[in-house]
Amino acid sequence: MEELRAVLFDLDGVLIDSYEAWFRLVNAAARHFRTPDVERERFQASWGQGIDADVRDFFPGQTAATVAAYYEQHLLDHADAIRVAPDAHEVLRALRDAEIPCGVVTNTPTFLARDLLAWAGLIGLVEITVGADPDLSAKPAPDCIEVACRAVEVAPENTLVIGDSDFDAQAAQAAGAQFNAFRPSNGRGIRNLRDVLPLVRRPD
């Protein structure tokens, strides 16, 4: 196994838990765009996908730009339902102090991801945030990971991706990065963010 010199975190479900906030937001958007409400089972099946898929599944007739604008204006209306992972600040500070580059790779658009990181007090603890923007394909495509690796100047094979979905695992594999699942149902991955620290060491 290649030496690990950088860490890239998925956002939702790893550094923060915004599932309930997004469920509320998607249904608020459905009312705004006059489309049917999104039931929990349907939302669960879509969790982790990008905005283009949201448009296809929930908001036919809208554009990704229109839906993204609504999301940006209203996501933090539901901030009371967002939780920051208990160890997020501690772990990101420890990685920064050890001079191990870290970033966020997410299917949330970059501007929204930065809003969430700023709200959570994490924005200054990551070097790069890459979302599924119009010129990048959402995970499971490798685009976000490849862009982040170039930004931190670490090869994908020396980069650890931490994620909680099949999208994350598939994107890491496609990029040639190493992957560790966060709180998987089979119990074979990372149970808390502190578990990341022993896996990486300070670069030469």
Foldseek 3Di string as FASTA:
>chain_A
DDAAQAEEEAPDPAQKPCLVLVLVLLQVVCVVLVWDRQDPVNSVVCPQAALVVSCVPTNDPDDSVVSLVSCQVCSCVSVVRMGGAPCNVVLLVVCVVQVRAYEYEGQRQQVVSLVVCVVVVNNVSHDDYHHCDPVHHGFVAQGRVVVVCVSSVHQQCNYEYEEADPRRVSNSVNRNHHYFYEPYPVPPGHPHSVVVVVRHGRDD
